[in-house]
């Protein structure tokens, strides 16, 4: 699993990458070896899941973007 650290008060905090389901081709919020934002367990058939740097494409609750994330100020 690829982890991108960020600096927080001098400590590195691992950041989770989205994961792609190779069967459905959807990209989910979450991490390989755990659960996605919408509840899929990536430990079941782990060969179906890979880390991905793409944009989350799953539209289910927990994975999809919040409306506030998509709005821009002054638009």
Foldseek 3Di string as FASTA:
>chain_A
DDWDWDADPNDTDTDAAWKAFQVVRFTFDDHQCQATQQGDGCVVPVVRIDGDNDQGDDPHHGGDDDPVVPDDPPD
